C-alpha atoms as a PDB file:
ATOM      1  CA  MET A   1      63.499 -21.468  27.133  1.00  0.00           C
ATOM      2  CA  ILE A   2      66.171 -19.934  28.017  1.00  0.00           C
ATOM      3  CA  SER A   3      69.916 -20.405  26.115  1.00  0.00           C
ATOM      4  CA  ILE A   4      73.183 -20.578  27.962  1.00  0.00           C
ATOM      5  CA  ASP A   5      76.147 -20.373  26.023  1.00  0.00           C
ATOM      6  CA  ILE A   6      78.690 -19.225  28.488  1.00  0.00           C
ATOM      7  CA  ASP A   7      82.207 -20.916  28.302  1.00  0.00           C
ATOM      8  CA  PRO A   8      82.842 -22.117  31.839  1.00  0.00           C
ATOM      9  CA  VAL A   9      86.606 -20.659  31.400  1.00  0.00           C
ATOM     10  CA  ALA A  10      86.598 -16.912  32.565  1.00  0.00           C
ATOM     11  CA  PHE A  11      90.237 -16.644  31.065  1.00  0.00           C
ATOM     12  CA  THR A  12      93.586 -18.406  30.912  1.00  0.00           C
ATOM     13  CA  LEU A  13      96.915 -17.400  32.730  1.00  0.00           C
ATOM     14  CA  GLY A  14      99.661 -19.284  30.844  1.00  0.00           C
ATOM     15  CA  GLY A  15      98.353 -23.044  31.212  1.00  0.00           C
ATOM     16  CA  LEU A  16      96.131 -21.992  33.912  1.00  0.00           C
ATOM     17  CA  GLU A  17      92.323 -21.762  33.334  1.00  0.00           C
ATOM     18  CA  VAL A  18      90.370 -19.521  35.814  1.00  0.00           C
ATOM     19  CA  ARG A  19      86.279 -20.290  36.011  1.00  0.00           C
ATOM     20  CA  TRP A  20      83.781 -18.506  36.437  1.00  0.00           C
ATOM     21  CA  TYR A  21      82.895 -20.960  39.003  1.00  0.00           C
ATOM     22  CA  GLY A  22      86.384 -20.289  40.730  1.00  0.00           C
ATOM     23  CA  ILE A  23      85.452 -16.788  40.578  1.00  0.00           C
ATOM     24  CA  ALA A  24      82.085 -16.980  42.280  1.00  0.00           C
ATOM     25  CA  VAL A  25      83.114 -19.060  45.139  1.00  0.00           C
ATOM     26  CA  ALA A  26      85.689 -16.415  45.849  1.00  0.00           C
ATOM     27  CA  LEU A  27      83.365 -13.710  45.668  1.00  0.00           C
ATOM     28  CA  ALA A  28      81.144 -15.827  47.870  1.00  0.00           C
ATOM     29  CA  VAL A  29      84.143 -16.454  50.468  1.00  0.00           C
ATOM     30  CA  LEU A  30      84.866 -12.534  50.152  1.00  0.00           C
ATOM     31  CA  THR A  31      81.617 -11.394  50.975  1.00  0.00           C
ATOM     32  CA  VAL A  32      80.712 -13.871  53.935  1.00  0.00           C
ATOM     33  CA  LEU A  33      84.084 -12.126  55.643  1.00  0.00           C
ATOM     34  CA  LEU A  34      83.182  -9.106  55.308  1.00  0.00           C
ATOM     35  CA  VAL A  35      79.105  -9.055  56.164  1.00  0.00           C
ATOM     36  CA  THR A  36      79.978 -11.277  59.128  1.00  0.00           C
ATOM     37  CA  VAL A  37      83.147  -9.194  60.164  1.00  0.00           C
ATOM     38  CA  LYS A  38      80.666  -5.891  59.834  1.00  0.00           C
ATOM     39  CA  GLU A  39      77.989  -7.487  61.550  1.00  0.00           C
ATOM     40  CA  GLY A  40      80.043  -8.797  64.103  1.00  0.00           C
ATOM     41  CA  LYS A  41      81.319  -5.592  65.354  1.00  0.00           C
ATOM     42  CA  ARG A  42      77.703  -4.454  65.515  1.00  0.00           C
ATOM     43  CA  LEU A  43      77.452  -7.217  67.683  1.00  0.00           C
ATOM     44  CA  GLY A  44      80.411  -6.511  69.937  1.00  0.00           C
ATOM     45  CA  VAL A  45      82.376  -9.669  68.767  1.00  0.00           C
ATOM     46  CA  ALA A  46      86.555  -8.893  68.488  1.00  0.00           C
ATOM     47  CA  GLU A  47      87.455  -8.378  65.098  1.00  0.00           C
ATOM     48  CA  ASP A  48      90.444 -10.435  65.495  1.00  0.00           C
ATOM     49  CA  LEU A  49      88.496 -13.569  66.960  1.00  0.00           C
ATOM     50  CA  LEU A  50      86.305 -13.124  63.627  1.00  0.00           C
ATOM     51  CA  TYR A  51      89.369 -13.476  61.349  1.00  0.00           C
ATOM     52  CA  SER A  52      90.787 -16.291  63.393  1.00  0.00           C
ATOM     53  CA  LEU A  53      87.340 -18.367  63.342  1.00  0.00           C
ATOM     54  CA  PHE A  54      86.965 -17.664  59.868  1.00  0.00           C
ATOM     55  CA  LEU A  55      90.352 -18.848  58.729  1.00  0.00           C
ATOM     56  CA  TRP A  56      89.745 -22.070  60.962  1.00  0.00           C
ATOM     57  CA  GLY A  57      86.333 -22.188  59.180  1.00  0.00           C
ATOM     58  CA  ILE A  58      87.657 -22.313  55.523  1.00  0.00           C
ATOM     59  CA  ILE A  59      89.912 -25.280  56.462  1.00  0.00           C
ATOM     60  CA  GLY A  60      87.306 -27.109  58.430  1.00  0.00           C
ATOM     61  CA  GLY A  61      84.833 -26.079  55.750  1.00  0.00           C
ATOM     62  CA  LEU A  62      86.880 -27.411  52.853  1.00  0.00           C
ATOM     63  CA  LEU A  63      88.303 -30.623  54.161  1.00  0.00           C
ATOM     64  CA  LEU A  64      84.330 -31.779  55.499  1.00  0.00           C
ATOM     65  CA  SER A  65      82.979 -30.813  52.405  1.00  0.00           C
ATOM     66  CA  ARG A  66      85.249 -32.620  50.530  1.00  0.00           C
ATOM     67  CA  VAL A  67      84.571 -35.850  53.218  1.00  0.00           C
ATOM     68  CA  VAL A  68      80.586 -35.259  52.207  1.00  0.00           C
ATOM     69  CA  HIS A  69      81.534 -35.306  48.650  1.00  0.00           C
ATOM     70  CA  VAL A  70      83.722 -38.659  48.607  1.00  0.00           C
ATOM     71  CA  VAL A  71      80.703 -40.316  51.043  1.00  0.00           C
ATOM     72  CA  ASP A  72      78.207 -39.712  48.683  1.00  0.00           C
ATOM     73  CA  PHE A  73      80.370 -40.545  45.366  1.00  0.00           C
ATOM     74  CA  LEU A  74      81.307 -44.201  47.214  1.00  0.00           C
ATOM     75  CA  VAL A  75      77.790 -44.883  48.522  1.00  0.00           C
ATOM     76  CA  LEU A  76      76.455 -44.291  44.977  1.00  0.00           C
ATOM     77  CA  HIS A  77      79.387 -45.979  42.746  1.00  0.00           C
ATOM     78  CA  PRO A  78      80.499 -48.639  44.933  1.00  0.00           C
ATOM     79  CA  GLY A  79      83.829 -50.065  43.525  1.00  0.00           C
ATOM     80  CA  GLU A  80      84.762 -47.239  41.501  1.00  0.00           C
ATOM     81  CA  HIS A  81      88.066 -45.453  42.370  1.00  0.00           C
ATOM     82  CA  ILE A  82      88.165 -41.564  43.512  1.00  0.00           C
ATOM     83  CA  ASP A  83      90.825 -39.679  44.322  1.00  0.00           C
ATOM     84  CA  LEU A  84      91.229 -38.134  47.666  1.00  0.00           C
ATOM     85  CA  LEU A  85      93.498 -36.017  47.850  1.00  0.00           C
ATOM     86  CA  ARG A  86      91.990 -33.786  44.518  1.00  0.00           C
ATOM     87  CA  PHE A  87      89.242 -31.122  45.425  1.00  0.00           C
ATOM     88  CA  ASP A  88      87.276 -31.323  42.130  1.00  0.00           C
ATOM     89  CA  GLY A  89      83.878 -32.314  44.271  1.00  0.00           C
ATOM     90  CA  LEU A  90      82.880 -30.568  47.164  1.00  0.00           C
ATOM     91  CA  GLY A  91      79.194 -31.082  49.334  1.00  0.00           C
ATOM     92  CA  LEU A  92      78.282 -27.489  50.213  1.00  0.00           C
ATOM     93  CA  TYR A  93      76.896 -28.905  53.523  1.00  0.00           C
ATOM     94  CA  GLY A  94      80.064 -30.266  54.106  1.00  0.00           C
ATOM     95  CA  ALA A  95      81.359 -26.651  54.305  1.00  0.00           C
ATOM     96  CA  ILE A  96      77.953 -25.174  56.256  1.00  0.00           C
ATOM     97  CA  LEU A  97      78.814 -28.123  58.955  1.00  0.00           C
ATOM     98  CA  GLY A  98      82.806 -28.312  59.143  1.00  0.00           C
ATOM     99  CA  ALA A  99      82.626 -24.264  59.579  1.00  0.00           C
ATOM    100  CA  PRO A 100      81.225 -24.740  63.105  1.00  0.00           C
ATOM    101  CA  LEU A 101      83.093 -27.768  63.962  1.00  0.00           C
ATOM    102  CA  SER A 102      86.366 -26.031  63.489  1.00  0.00           C
ATOM    103  CA  ALA A 103      85.105 -23.241  65.231  1.00  0.00           C
ATOM    104  CA  PHE A 104      84.384 -25.359  68.359  1.00  0.00           C
ATOM    105  CA  LEU A 105      87.700 -26.916  68.067  1.00  0.00           C
ATOM    106  CA  TYR A 106      89.444 -23.250  67.951  1.00  0.00           C
ATOM    107  CA  THR A 107      87.185 -22.287  71.032  1.00  0.00           C
ATOM    108  CA  GLN A 108      88.483 -25.815  72.591  1.00  0.00           C
ATOM    109  CA  VAL A 109      92.200 -25.065  71.899  1.00  0.00           C
ATOM    110  CA  HIS A 110      92.409 -21.594  72.854  1.00  0.00           C
ATOM    111  CA  HIS A 111      90.281 -21.853  75.991  1.00  0.00           C
ATOM    112  CA  ILE A 112      87.299 -19.713  74.714  1.00  0.00           C
ATOM    113  CA  PRO A 113      83.525 -20.762  76.517  1.00  0.00           C
ATOM    114  CA  TRP A 114      81.857 -22.050  73.318  1.00  0.00           C
ATOM    115  CA  SER A 115      78.234 -20.384  74.417  1.00  0.00           C
ATOM    116  CA  SER A 116      80.171 -17.194  73.773  1.00  0.00           C
ATOM    117  CA  MET A 117      80.026 -18.120  69.864  1.00  0.00           C
ATOM    118  CA  ALA A 118      76.381 -17.656  69.681  1.00  0.00           C
ATOM    119  CA  ARG A 119      76.955 -13.665  68.632  1.00  0.00           C
ATOM    120  CA  VAL A 120      79.556 -15.022  65.890  1.00  0.00           C
ATOM    121  CA  GLY A 121      76.907 -17.606  64.565  1.00  0.00           C
ATOM    122  CA  ASP A 122      74.617 -14.479  64.369  1.00  0.00           C
ATOM    123  CA  ALA A 123      77.231 -12.616  62.413  1.00  0.00           C
ATOM    124  CA  VAL A 124      77.773 -15.582  59.859  1.00  0.00           C
ATOM    125  CA  ALA A 125      74.026 -15.953  59.509  1.00  0.00           C
ATOM    126  CA  LEU A 126      74.018 -12.669  58.183  1.00  0.00           C
ATOM    127  CA  GLY A 127      76.667 -12.949  55.563  1.00  0.00           C
ATOM    128  CA  ALA A 128      76.426 -16.753  54.560  1.00  0.00           C
ATOM    129  CA  PRO A 129      73.108 -16.728  52.826  1.00  0.00           C
ATOM    130  CA  LEU A 130      74.655 -13.765  50.797  1.00  0.00           C
ATOM    131  CA  GLY A 131      77.670 -15.866  50.005  1.00  0.00           C
ATOM    132  CA  GLN A 132      75.533 -19.166  49.088  1.00  0.00           C
ATOM    133  CA  ALA A 133      73.512 -16.972  46.333  1.00  0.00           C
ATOM    134  CA  ILE A 134      76.727 -15.591  44.510  1.00  0.00           C
ATOM    135  CA  GLY A 135      78.291 -19.185  44.895  1.00  0.00           C
ATOM    136  CA  ARG A 136      75.304 -20.529  43.038  1.00  0.00           C
ATOM    137  CA  VAL A 137      75.465 -18.116  40.046  1.00  0.00           C
ATOM    138  CA  GLY A 138      79.116 -19.968  39.722  1.00  0.00           C
ATOM    139  CA  CYS A 139      77.046 -23.187  39.224  1.00  0.00           C
ATOM    140  CA  PHE A 140      74.817 -21.658  37.342  1.00  0.00           C
ATOM    141  CA  ILE A 141      76.980 -20.415  34.312  1.00  0.00           C
ATOM    142  CA  ASN A 142      79.236 -23.660  34.659  1.00  0.00           C
ATOM    143  CA  GLY A 143      75.850 -25.913  34.228  1.00  0.00           C
ATOM    144  CA  CYS A 144      76.328 -28.075  37.444  1.00  0.00           C
ATOM    145  CA  CYS A 145      73.668 -28.287  40.222  1.00  0.00           C
ATOM    146  CA  HIS A 146      71.048 -28.440  37.320  1.00  0.00           C
ATOM    147  CA  GLY A 147      67.477 -29.889  37.715  1.00  0.00           C
ATOM    148  CA  ALA A 148      66.103 -32.315  35.467  1.00  0.00           C
ATOM    149  CA  ILE A 149      64.640 -31.740  32.266  1.00  0.00           C
ATOM    150  CA  ALA A 150      61.550 -30.274  32.152  1.00  0.00           C
ATOM    151  CA  ALA A 151      59.055 -28.083  29.429  1.00  0.00           C
ATOM    152  CA  VAL A 152      58.558 -25.266  32.023  1.00  0.00           C
ATOM    153  CA  PRO A 153      58.941 -21.894  29.961  1.00  0.00           C
ATOM    154  CA  TRP A 154      61.825 -20.619  32.382  1.00  0.00           C
ATOM    155  CA  ALA A 155      63.732 -23.811  31.597  1.00  0.00           C
ATOM    156  CA  VAL A 156      67.472 -23.557  30.568  1.00  0.00           C
ATOM    157  CA  VAL A 157      69.241 -24.878  27.387  1.00  0.00           C
ATOM    158  CA  TYR A 158      73.144 -25.409  28.044  1.00  0.00           C
ATOM    159  CA  THR A 159      74.548 -25.238  24.509  1.00  0.00           C
ATOM    160  CA  GLN A 160      78.072 -24.568  25.460  1.00  0.00           C
ATOM    161  CA  PRO A 161      80.317 -27.466  24.213  1.00  0.00           C
ATOM    162  CA  ASP A 162      82.274 -27.851  27.438  1.00  0.00           C
ATOM    163  CA  THR A 163      78.971 -27.060  30.079  1.00  0.00           C
ATOM    164  CA  PHE A 164      78.911 -29.537  32.932  1.00  0.00           C
ATOM    165  CA  CYS A 165      75.436 -29.952  31.845  1.00  0.00           C
ATOM    166  CA  GLU A 166      74.154 -33.742  32.027  1.00  0.00           C
ATOM    167  CA  TYR A 167      71.742 -32.976  29.385  1.00  0.00           C
ATOM    168  CA  PRO A 168      73.632 -30.186  27.034  1.00  0.00           C
ATOM    169  CA  GLY A 169      70.846 -29.216  24.428  1.00  0.00           C
ATOM    170  CA  MET A 170      67.969 -30.513  26.433  1.00  0.00           C
ATOM    171  CA  PRO A 171      65.646 -27.820  28.521  1.00  0.00           C
ATOM    172  CA  VAL A 172      66.258 -28.432  32.443  1.00  0.00           C
ATOM    173  CA  GLN A 173      64.892 -26.811  35.620  1.00  0.00           C
ATOM    174  CA  PRO A 174      67.246 -23.880  36.880  1.00  0.00           C
ATOM    175  CA  THR A 175      67.596 -25.213  40.177  1.00  0.00           C
ATOM    176  CA  GLN A 176      70.785 -23.134  40.522  1.00  0.00           C
ATOM    177  CA  VAL A 177      68.434 -20.146  40.506  1.00  0.00           C
ATOM    178  CA  TYR A 178      65.881 -21.343  42.670  1.00  0.00           C
ATOM    179  CA  PHE A 179      68.675 -21.666  45.190  1.00  0.00           C
ATOM    180  CA  ILE A 180      69.835 -18.290  44.749  1.00  0.00           C
ATOM    181  CA  ALA A 181      66.333 -16.638  45.056  1.00  0.00           C
ATOM    182  CA  TRP A 182      65.564 -18.755  48.237  1.00  0.00           C
ATOM    183  CA  ASN A 183      68.982 -17.654  49.627  1.00  0.00           C
ATOM    184  CA  LEU A 184      68.033 -14.131  49.376  1.00  0.00           C
ATOM    185  CA  VAL A 185      65.072 -14.861  50.850  1.00  0.00           C
ATOM    186  CA  VAL A 186      66.877 -16.459  54.028  1.00  0.00           C
ATOM    187  CA  PHE A 187      69.162 -13.136  53.632  1.00  0.00           C
ATOM    188  CA  GLY A 188      65.890 -11.011  54.127  1.00  0.00           C
ATOM    189  CA  VAL A 189      64.328 -12.812  57.077  1.00  0.00           C
ATOM    190  CA  VAL A 190      67.931 -12.893  58.756  1.00  0.00           C
ATOM    191  CA  TRP A 191      68.619  -9.384  58.142  1.00  0.00           C
ATOM    192  CA  ALA A 192      64.723  -8.719  60.065  1.00  0.00           C
ATOM    193  CA  LEU A 193      66.014 -10.695  62.957  1.00  0.00           C
ATOM    194  CA  ARG A 194      68.047  -7.934  63.735  1.00  0.00           C
ATOM    195  CA  LYS A 195      65.400  -5.625  64.101  1.00  0.00           C
ATOM    196  CA  VAL A 196      64.236  -7.976  66.979  1.00  0.00           C
ATOM    197  CA  LYS A 197      64.842  -8.426  70.555  1.00  0.00           C
ATOM    198  CA  ARG A 198      65.975 -12.165  70.353  1.00  0.00           C
ATOM    199  CA  PRO A 199      68.492 -14.388  72.505  1.00  0.00           C
ATOM    200  CA  GLU A 200      71.964 -14.705  70.963  1.00  0.00           C
ATOM    201  CA  GLY A 201      72.447 -17.562  68.295  1.00  0.00           C
ATOM    202  CA  ILE A 202      68.636 -17.345  67.456  1.00  0.00           C
ATOM    203  CA  SER A 203      69.797 -15.849  64.025  1.00  0.00           C
ATOM    204  CA  PHE A 204      72.193 -18.467  62.887  1.00  0.00           C
ATOM    205  CA  LEU A 205      69.377 -21.475  64.399  1.00  0.00           C
ATOM    206  CA  VAL A 206      67.153 -19.534  61.840  1.00  0.00           C
ATOM    207  CA  TYR A 207      69.621 -19.675  59.027  1.00  0.00           C
ATOM    208  CA  LEU A 208      70.393 -23.286  59.337  1.00  0.00           C
ATOM    209  CA  MET A 209      67.000 -24.315  59.297  1.00  0.00           C
ATOM    210  CA  LEU A 210      65.426 -22.025  56.551  1.00  0.00           C
ATOM    211  CA  TYR A 211      68.065 -22.830  54.196  1.00  0.00           C
ATOM    212  CA  SER A 212      67.844 -26.773  54.883  1.00  0.00           C
ATOM    213  CA  ALA A 213      63.987 -26.554  54.407  1.00  0.00           C
ATOM    214  CA  GLY A 214      64.714 -24.993  50.808  1.00  0.00           C
ATOM    215  CA  ASP A 215      67.412 -27.355  50.065  1.00  0.00           C
ATOM    216  CA  PHE A 216      65.367 -30.344  51.244  1.00  0.00           C
ATOM    217  CA  VAL A 217      62.446 -28.884  48.638  1.00  0.00           C
ATOM    218  CA  ILE A 218      64.391 -27.587  46.018  1.00  0.00           C
ATOM    219  CA  ARG A 219      66.181 -31.014  45.446  1.00  0.00           C
ATOM    220  CA  PHE A 220      62.801 -32.724  44.334  1.00  0.00           C
ATOM    221  CA  TRP A 221      63.919 -31.055  40.961  1.00  0.00           C
ATOM    222  CA  ARG A 222      67.656 -31.359  41.160  1.00  0.00           C
ATOM    223  CA  VAL A 223      69.486 -34.411  39.468  1.00  0.00           C
ATOM    224  CA  ASN A 224      71.007 -36.382  42.096  1.00  0.00           C
ATOM    225  CA  ASP A 225      71.029 -39.821  42.681  1.00  0.00           C
ATOM    226  CA  PRO A 226      69.391 -41.393  45.752  1.00  0.00           C
ATOM    227  CA  PHE A 227      71.065 -41.592  48.587  1.00  0.00           C
ATOM    228  CA  ALA A 228      68.899 -43.629  51.470  1.00  0.00           C
ATOM    229  CA  GLY A 229      65.270 -43.876  51.674  1.00  0.00           C
ATOM    230  CA  GLY A 230      64.579 -42.322  47.978  1.00  0.00           C
ATOM    231  CA  LEU A 231      65.886 -39.293  49.018  1.00  0.00           C
ATOM    232  CA  GLN A 232      69.335 -37.583  48.116  1.00  0.00           C
ATOM    233  CA  GLN A 233      72.180 -37.452  50.375  1.00  0.00           C
ATOM    234  CA  GLY A 234      71.898 -33.235  51.163  1.00  0.00           C
ATOM    235  CA  GLN A 235      67.831 -33.796  51.654  1.00  0.00           C
ATOM    236  CA  VAL A 236      69.037 -36.306  54.536  1.00  0.00           C
ATOM    237  CA  ILE A 237      71.370 -33.901  55.520  1.00  0.00           C
ATOM    238  CA  SER A 238      68.728 -30.919  55.463  1.00  0.00           C
ATOM    239  CA  LEU A 239      66.326 -32.928  57.815  1.00  0.00           C
ATOM    240  CA  GLY A 240      68.838 -33.881  60.471  1.00  0.00           C
ATOM    241  CA  ILE A 241      69.891 -30.191  60.622  1.00  0.00           C
ATOM    242  CA  ILE A 242      66.273 -29.167  60.893  1.00  0.00           C
ATOM    243  CA  LEU A 243      65.584 -32.051  63.751  1.00  0.00           C
ATOM    244  CA  ALA A 244      68.837 -31.138  65.681  1.00  0.00           C
ATOM    245  CA  CYS A 245      67.892 -27.062  65.643  1.00  0.00           C
ATOM    246  CA  ALA A 246      64.404 -27.121  66.160  1.00  0.00           C
ATOM    247  CA  PRO A 247      64.671 -28.120  69.937  1.00  0.00           C
ATOM    248  CA  ILE A 248      67.633 -26.067  70.352  1.00  0.00           C
ATOM    249  CA  LEU A 249      65.499 -23.006  68.781  1.00  0.00           C
ATOM    250  CA  TRP A 250      62.472 -23.925  71.031  1.00  0.00           C
ATOM    251  CA  TRP A 251      64.738 -24.117  74.065  1.00  0.00           C
ATOM    252  CA  LYS A 252      66.340 -20.778  73.894  1.00  0.00           C
ATOM    253  CA  LEU A 253      62.890 -19.185  72.923  1.00  0.00           C
ATOM    254  CA  ARG A 254      61.518 -20.711  75.896  1.00  0.00           C
ATOM    255  CA  GLY A 255      63.864 -19.259  78.359  1.00  0.00           C
ATOM    256  CA  PHE A 256      63.768 -16.085  76.903  1.00  0.00           C
ATOM    257  CA  ARG A 257      60.219 -15.599  77.247  1.00  0.00           C
ATOM    258  CA  ALA A 258      60.572 -16.869  80.518  1.00  0.00           C
ATOM    259  CA  ALA A 259      63.039 -14.636  81.559  1.00  0.00           C
ATOM    260  CA  ALA A 260      61.276 -11.768  80.134  1.00  0.00           C
ATOM    261  CA  ARG A 261      58.198 -12.272  82.175  1.00  0.00           C
ATOM    262  CA  ASP A 262      60.000 -12.575  85.121  1.00  0.00           C
ATOM    263  CA  GLU A 263      61.483  -9.153  84.462  1.00  0.00           C
ATOM    264  CA  ALA A 264      58.333  -7.716  83.815  1.00  0.00           C
ATOM    265  CA  GLY A 265      57.021  -9.274  87.265  1.00  0.00           C
ATOM    266  CA  PRO A 266      53.471 -10.006  88.185  1.00  0.00           C
ATOM    267  CA  GLN A 267      50.797  -8.169  86.581  1.00  0.00           C
ATOM    268  CA  ALA A 268      48.980  -5.654  88.547  1.00  0.00           C
END
C-alpha cells in the first residue's frame, strides 16, 4: 500500500488558497499550448491562428466541461440544487469536445475552410495527451477521480484530512496513475505517427479514439455512479467518440490509399 499525506493546498496568498490541482491544470494548459504551437509550426500552421484557436478552445472547453458536469450531476441527483455559475466541477470530456466545437465556430466567423483545420488537429493531438497526463497528477494529489476500494499491492491510501478521496484511510485503486500512464502511451503513438506518411487529421482521430478506449476501460475501476445502461457518463461519451471517429478514419485512410495507388500507376 502507498500512503498519500499531501495537503491539497500548496500554499496561500493572503486569503487565497492555491491548490496543487490548480497548479497542475495551469501547467497542463501551458504544456498543450507550447507543444501544439511547436508542432503546428512544423506542420506549416500560422502561429497567430494557433494562438487564436487556443484562446477560443479554452473558453469553449471550460464552458462545455461545466455543462457536462452539471448534466451528470442533475441526472444522478435529481431534485438537488447546483450553482450553474460556479466552476467547482468540470467534466474532462466537455473540454475535449468543447475545444473543437469552439474552433469550428471560429472558422465560421472568420470564413476559414474547416478542412484546413486538420493540421491544427494533428498539432493538438501531440500536446493534448501530455497536458492530460500532467492534469491527472493534480487529481492524484487532490484525491479526486480515484478508484474503488481494492487490496492490490499498488493501492493508495489517502490519510490527509482534507483529501477529496471518498474513502479516506482505505486502500483504493490509483486510477489517476492509470490515466497518466495511458495518456503517455497515447502521446507515444501520436509521436510515432509523425514519421509515417498519412492524410491530415489522422493523428487527431487516433488520439481521440485511443484516449476514449483507455478512458472507457479505466473507468471500470473508477468510482462513479452509473449514468446509462450501467455505464458511467464518461464511458457513454467514450463509445460515442469512438463510433463517430471510426468511419471518418476509415474514409480518410481509404481515400489516401486509393490516391497512392493512382499516383503509382499500373504495375509493370
